Amino acid sequence: MQAHLSLSLALLFAAAAPLGCVPSSMSADSYSRSEARQVHRVQHGTVLIVRPVAIEGTKSGLGGVAGGALGYVLGSAVGGGSGQRIAKVAGGIAGAAGGAAAEEGLTRQQGLELTVELEGGEVIVVVQAADETFDPGDSVRVIRRSGGTARVVQ
């Protein structure tokens, strides 16, 4: 029983580790490692429309795997024989579903959909984390990376 408790606690911490970090890659102020020391093109523009949006959370599968393992271990602590086998399977299934939902929910973030008219007349839309305030009429810089990603900054 002590071994089950120790293993359960270890799995609980392992399950919580990937869920505790909200990704910042959608932020205008965060750059990935691969973006450092790369050339980005800058265009100037004016914000036309600002619309709040939700950016869905991560669905890497880690939450489901960790939750399933934890549910299986906890199910093994229930009863014995065929009842224990059923509890293990049920615990694994319920844990996987709960872990996947927890991962997505904990990594979901608020975002902004920014419609920007560039100096040349082109109108673009960029979705990014809501970590900066924008209003229609604001002068902004649009920073574009060759891979197609962009960010809007003031």
C-alpha atoms as a PDB file:
ATOM      1  CA  MET A   1       0.000   0.000   0.000  1.00  0.00           C
ATOM      2  CA  GLN A   2       2.890   2.382   0.809  1.00  0.00           C
ATOM      3  CA  ALA A   3       4.367   1.710  -2.652  1.00  0.00           C
ATOM      4  CA  HIS A   4       1.027   2.595  -4.294  1.00  0.00           C
ATOM      5  CA  LEU A   5       0.844   5.841  -2.319  1.00  0.00           C
ATOM      6  CA  SER A   6       4.417   6.830  -3.262  1.00  0.00           C
ATOM      7  CA  LEU A   7       3.819   6.003  -6.909  1.00  0.00           C
ATOM      8  CA  SER A   8       0.510   7.889  -6.854  1.00  0.00           C
ATOM      9  CA  LEU A   9       2.168  10.998  -5.454  1.00  0.00           C
ATOM     10  CA  ALA A  10       4.989  10.806  -8.007  1.00  0.00           C
ATOM     11  CA  LEU A  11       2.483  10.515 -10.847  1.00  0.00           C
ATOM     12  CA  LEU A  12       0.429  13.376  -9.463  1.00  0.00           C
ATOM     13  CA  PHE A  13       3.442  15.686  -9.545  1.00  0.00           C
ATOM     14  CA  ALA A  14       4.379  14.437 -13.020  1.00  0.00           C
ATOM     15  CA  ALA A  15       0.842  15.097 -14.225  1.00  0.00           C
ATOM     16  CA  ALA A  16       0.807  18.606 -12.805  1.00  0.00           C
ATOM     17  CA  ALA A  17       4.190  19.626 -14.247  1.00  0.00           C
ATOM     18  CA  PRO A  18       3.154  20.097 -17.893  1.00  0.00           C
ATOM     19  CA  LEU A  19      -0.132  21.696 -16.865  1.00  0.00           C
ATOM     20  CA  GLY A  20       1.266  24.426 -14.663  1.00  0.00           C
ATOM     21  CA  CYS A  21       2.865  26.406 -17.454  1.00  0.00           C
ATOM     22  CA  VAL A  22       0.749  28.665 -19.625  1.00  0.00           C
ATOM     23  CA  PRO A  23       2.481  29.033 -22.965  1.00  0.00           C
ATOM     24  CA  SER A  24       3.715  32.544 -23.679  1.00  0.00           C
ATOM     25  CA  SER A  25       4.469  31.964 -27.367  1.00  0.00           C
ATOM     26  CA  MET A  26       1.328  33.870 -28.354  1.00  0.00           C
ATOM     27  CA  SER A  27       2.594  36.991 -26.604  1.00  0.00           C
ATOM     28  CA  ALA A  28       3.895  39.957 -28.575  1.00  0.00           C
ATOM     29  CA  ASP A  29       6.682  40.223 -25.993  1.00  0.00           C
ATOM     30  CA  SER A  30       7.920  36.613 -26.153  1.00  0.00           C
ATOM     31  CA  TYR A  31      10.179  35.167 -28.781  1.00  0.00           C
ATOM     32  CA  SER A  32      10.885  31.493 -29.311  1.00  0.00           C
ATOM     33  CA  ARG A  33      14.468  30.311 -29.333  1.00  0.00           C
ATOM     34  CA  SER A  34      14.324  29.856 -33.120  1.00  0.00           C
ATOM     35  CA  GLU A  35      13.231  33.494 -33.628  1.00  0.00           C
ATOM     36  CA  ALA A  36      16.304  34.922 -31.913  1.00  0.00           C
ATOM     37  CA  ARG A  37      18.947  36.294 -34.266  1.00  0.00           C
ATOM     38  CA  GLN A  38      16.593  36.043 -37.251  1.00  0.00           C
ATOM     39  CA  VAL A  39      15.697  38.877 -39.611  1.00  0.00           C
ATOM     40  CA  HIS A  40      12.131  40.119 -39.223  1.00  0.00           C
ATOM     41  CA  ARG A  41      10.439  42.641 -41.515  1.00  0.00           C
ATOM     42  CA  VAL A  42       8.779  45.665 -39.922  1.00  0.00           C
ATOM     43  CA  GLN A  43       5.792  47.463 -41.405  1.00  0.00           C
ATOM     44  CA  HIS A  44       3.937  50.412 -39.925  1.00  0.00           C
ATOM     45  CA  GLY A  45       0.177  50.541 -39.755  1.00  0.00           C
ATOM     46  CA  THR A  46      -2.940  51.694 -37.980  1.00  0.00           C
ATOM     47  CA  VAL A  47      -5.247  49.552 -35.872  1.00  0.00           C
ATOM     48  CA  LEU A  48      -8.744  49.429 -37.369  1.00  0.00           C
ATOM     49  CA  ILE A  49     -10.519  46.870 -35.175  1.00  0.00           C
ATOM     50  CA  VAL A  50      -9.686  45.203 -31.841  1.00  0.00           C
ATOM     51  CA  ARG A  51     -11.692  42.112 -30.932  1.00  0.00           C
ATOM     52  CA  PRO A  52     -11.189  39.914 -27.853  1.00  0.00           C
ATOM     53  CA  VAL A  53     -10.848  36.202 -28.650  1.00  0.00           C
ATOM     54  CA  ALA A  54      -9.944  33.001 -26.819  1.00  0.00           C
ATOM     55  CA  ILE A  55      -6.791  31.137 -27.856  1.00  0.00           C
ATOM     56  CA  GLU A  56      -7.355  27.436 -27.297  1.00  0.00           C
ATOM     57  CA  GLY A  57      -5.093  25.569 -24.936  1.00  0.00           C
ATOM     58  CA  THR A  58      -2.442  22.980 -25.620  1.00  0.00           C
ATOM     59  CA  LYS A  59      -3.590  19.497 -26.612  1.00  0.00           C
ATOM     60  CA  SER A  60      -0.249  17.704 -26.536  1.00  0.00           C
ATOM     61  CA  GLY A  61      -1.593  14.490 -25.018  1.00  0.00           C
ATOM     62  CA  LEU A  62       0.651  14.770 -21.958  1.00  0.00           C
ATOM     63  CA  GLY A  63      -2.278  15.675 -19.723  1.00  0.00           C
ATOM     64  CA  GLY A  64      -4.230  12.643 -20.904  1.00  0.00           C
ATOM     65  CA  VAL A  65      -1.303  10.262 -20.463  1.00  0.00           C
ATOM     66  CA  ALA A  66      -0.441  11.580 -17.002  1.00  0.00           C
ATOM     67  CA  GLY A  67      -4.094  11.593 -15.928  1.00  0.00           C
ATOM     68  CA  GLY A  68      -4.613   8.065 -17.258  1.00  0.00           C
ATOM     69  CA  ALA A  69      -1.558   6.756 -15.401  1.00  0.00           C
ATOM     70  CA  LEU A  70      -2.648   8.424 -12.191  1.00  0.00           C
ATOM     71  CA  GLY A  71      -6.199   7.090 -12.542  1.00  0.00           C
ATOM     72  CA  TYR A  72      -4.888   3.582 -13.176  1.00  0.00           C
ATOM     73  CA  VAL A  73      -2.662   3.686 -10.091  1.00  0.00           C
ATOM     74  CA  LEU A  74      -5.456   5.048  -7.930  1.00  0.00           C
ATOM     75  CA  GLY A  75      -7.816   2.378  -9.303  1.00  0.00           C
ATOM     76  CA  SER A  76      -5.344  -0.328  -8.317  1.00  0.00           C
ATOM     77  CA  ALA A  77      -5.753   0.727  -4.683  1.00  0.00           C
ATOM     78  CA  VAL A  78      -9.444  -0.236  -4.816  1.00  0.00           C
ATOM     79  CA  GLY A  79     -10.527  -3.725  -3.723  1.00  0.00           C
ATOM     80  CA  GLY A  80      -9.074  -6.860  -5.252  1.00  0.00           C
ATOM     81  CA  GLY A  81      -9.630  -9.443  -7.981  1.00  0.00           C
ATOM     82  CA  SER A  82     -11.946  -8.569 -10.864  1.00  0.00           C
ATOM     83  CA  GLY A  83     -13.245  -5.481  -9.020  1.00  0.00           C
ATOM     84  CA  GLN A  84      -9.729  -4.111  -8.865  1.00  0.00           C
ATOM     85  CA  ARG A  85      -9.196  -4.761 -12.601  1.00  0.00           C
ATOM     86  CA  ILE A  86     -12.393  -2.879 -13.390  1.00  0.00           C
ATOM     87  CA  ALA A  87     -11.357  -0.018 -11.088  1.00  0.00           C
ATOM     88  CA  LYS A  88      -7.934   0.195 -12.791  1.00  0.00           C
ATOM     89  CA  VAL A  89      -9.478   0.413 -16.274  1.00  0.00           C
ATOM     90  CA  ALA A  90     -12.189   2.857 -15.198  1.00  0.00           C
ATOM     91  CA  GLY A  91      -9.655   4.960 -13.305  1.00  0.00           C
ATOM     92  CA  GLY A  92      -7.328   5.035 -16.317  1.00  0.00           C
ATOM     93  CA  ILE A  93     -10.105   6.090 -18.699  1.00  0.00           C
ATOM     94  CA  ALA A  94     -11.522   8.746 -16.363  1.00  0.00           C
ATOM     95  CA  GLY A  95      -8.030  10.013 -15.521  1.00  0.00           C
ATOM     96  CA  ALA A  96      -7.084  10.311 -19.201  1.00  0.00           C
ATOM     97  CA  ALA A  97     -10.217  12.302 -20.007  1.00  0.00           C
ATOM     98  CA  GLY A  98      -9.770  14.529 -16.960  1.00  0.00           C
ATOM     99  CA  GLY A  99      -6.072  15.070 -17.619  1.00  0.00           C
ATOM    100  CA  ALA A 100      -6.653  16.046 -21.255  1.00  0.00           C
ATOM    101  CA  ALA A 101      -9.391  18.512 -20.271  1.00  0.00           C
ATOM    102  CA  ALA A 102      -7.216  19.967 -17.510  1.00  0.00           C
ATOM    103  CA  GLU A 103      -4.268  20.481 -19.871  1.00  0.00           C
ATOM    104  CA  GLU A 104      -6.419  22.309 -22.434  1.00  0.00           C
ATOM    105  CA  GLY A 105      -8.179  24.415 -19.815  1.00  0.00           C
ATOM    106  CA  LEU A 106      -5.059  25.421 -17.917  1.00  0.00           C
ATOM    107  CA  THR A 107      -3.196  26.493 -21.052  1.00  0.00           C
ATOM    108  CA  ARG A 108      -6.088  28.407 -22.677  1.00  0.00           C
ATOM    109  CA  GLN A 109      -5.499  32.162 -22.799  1.00  0.00           C
ATOM    110  CA  GLN A 110      -7.218  35.395 -23.712  1.00  0.00           C
ATOM    111  CA  GLY A 111      -6.193  36.921 -27.024  1.00  0.00           C
ATOM    112  CA  LEU A 112      -6.844  39.820 -29.347  1.00  0.00           C
ATOM    113  CA  GLU A 113      -7.731  39.762 -33.013  1.00  0.00           C
ATOM    114  CA  LEU A 114      -6.162  42.927 -34.418  1.00  0.00           C
ATOM    115  CA  THR A 115      -7.191  44.234 -37.830  1.00  0.00           C
ATOM    116  CA  VAL A 116      -4.424  46.539 -39.054  1.00  0.00           C
ATOM    117  CA  GLU A 117      -4.201  48.687 -42.181  1.00  0.00           C
ATOM    118  CA  LEU A 118      -0.585  48.842 -43.303  1.00  0.00           C
ATOM    119  CA  GLU A 119       0.936  51.984 -44.826  1.00  0.00           C
ATOM    120  CA  GLY A 120       0.670  50.515 -48.338  1.00  0.00           C
ATOM    121  CA  GLY A 121      -3.088  49.975 -47.933  1.00  0.00           C
ATOM    122  CA  GLU A 122      -2.994  46.217 -47.246  1.00  0.00           C
ATOM    123  CA  VAL A 123      -5.319  45.131 -44.424  1.00  0.00           C
ATOM    124  CA  ILE A 124      -4.182  42.187 -42.283  1.00  0.00           C
ATOM    125  CA  VAL A 125      -5.443  40.401 -39.193  1.00  0.00           C
ATOM    126  CA  VAL A 126      -3.126  39.129 -36.439  1.00  0.00           C
ATOM    127  CA  VAL A 127      -4.238  37.099 -33.413  1.00  0.00           C
ATOM    128  CA  GLN A 128      -1.971  37.245 -30.365  1.00  0.00           C
ATOM    129  CA  ALA A 129      -2.124  37.092 -26.577  1.00  0.00           C
ATOM    130  CA  ALA A 130      -3.926  39.978 -24.883  1.00  0.00           C
ATOM    131  CA  ASP A 131      -0.817  41.175 -23.069  1.00  0.00           C
ATOM    132  CA  GLU A 132      -0.835  44.673 -24.535  1.00  0.00           C
ATOM    133  CA  THR A 133      -3.677  47.185 -24.940  1.00  0.00           C
ATOM    134  CA  PHE A 134      -4.669  48.426 -28.394  1.00  0.00           C
ATOM    135  CA  ASP A 135      -7.351  50.856 -29.512  1.00  0.00           C
ATOM    136  CA  PRO A 136      -8.645  51.658 -33.003  1.00  0.00           C
ATOM    137  CA  GLY A 137      -6.505  54.441 -34.454  1.00  0.00           C
ATOM    138  CA  ASP A 138      -3.297  53.383 -32.663  1.00  0.00           C
ATOM    139  CA  SER A 139      -0.110  53.549 -34.724  1.00  0.00           C
ATOM    140  CA  VAL A 140       1.621  50.162 -34.542  1.00  0.00           C
ATOM    141  CA  ARG A 141       4.494  48.150 -35.924  1.00  0.00           C
ATOM    142  CA  VAL A 142       3.783  44.775 -37.479  1.00  0.00           C
ATOM    143  CA  ILE A 143       6.783  42.476 -37.163  1.00  0.00           C
ATOM    144  CA  ARG A 144       6.712  39.680 -39.728  1.00  0.00           C
ATOM    145  CA  ARG A 145       8.885  36.611 -39.758  1.00  0.00           C
ATOM    146  CA  SER A 146       9.692  34.860 -43.032  1.00  0.00           C
ATOM    147  CA  GLY A 147       7.791  31.756 -41.847  1.00  0.00           C
ATOM    148  CA  GLY A 148       4.519  33.684 -41.961  1.00  0.00           C
ATOM    149  CA  THR A 149       4.098  34.547 -38.284  1.00  0.00           C
ATOM    150  CA  ALA A 150       3.540  38.145 -37.218  1.00  0.00           C
ATOM    151  CA  ARG A 151       3.100  40.187 -34.077  1.00  0.00           C
ATOM    152  CA  VAL A 152       1.731  43.671 -33.482  1.00  0.00           C
ATOM    153  CA  VAL A 153       3.517  46.031 -31.104  1.00  0.00           C
ATOM    154  CA  GLN A 154       3.228  49.702 -30.246  1.00  0.00           C
END
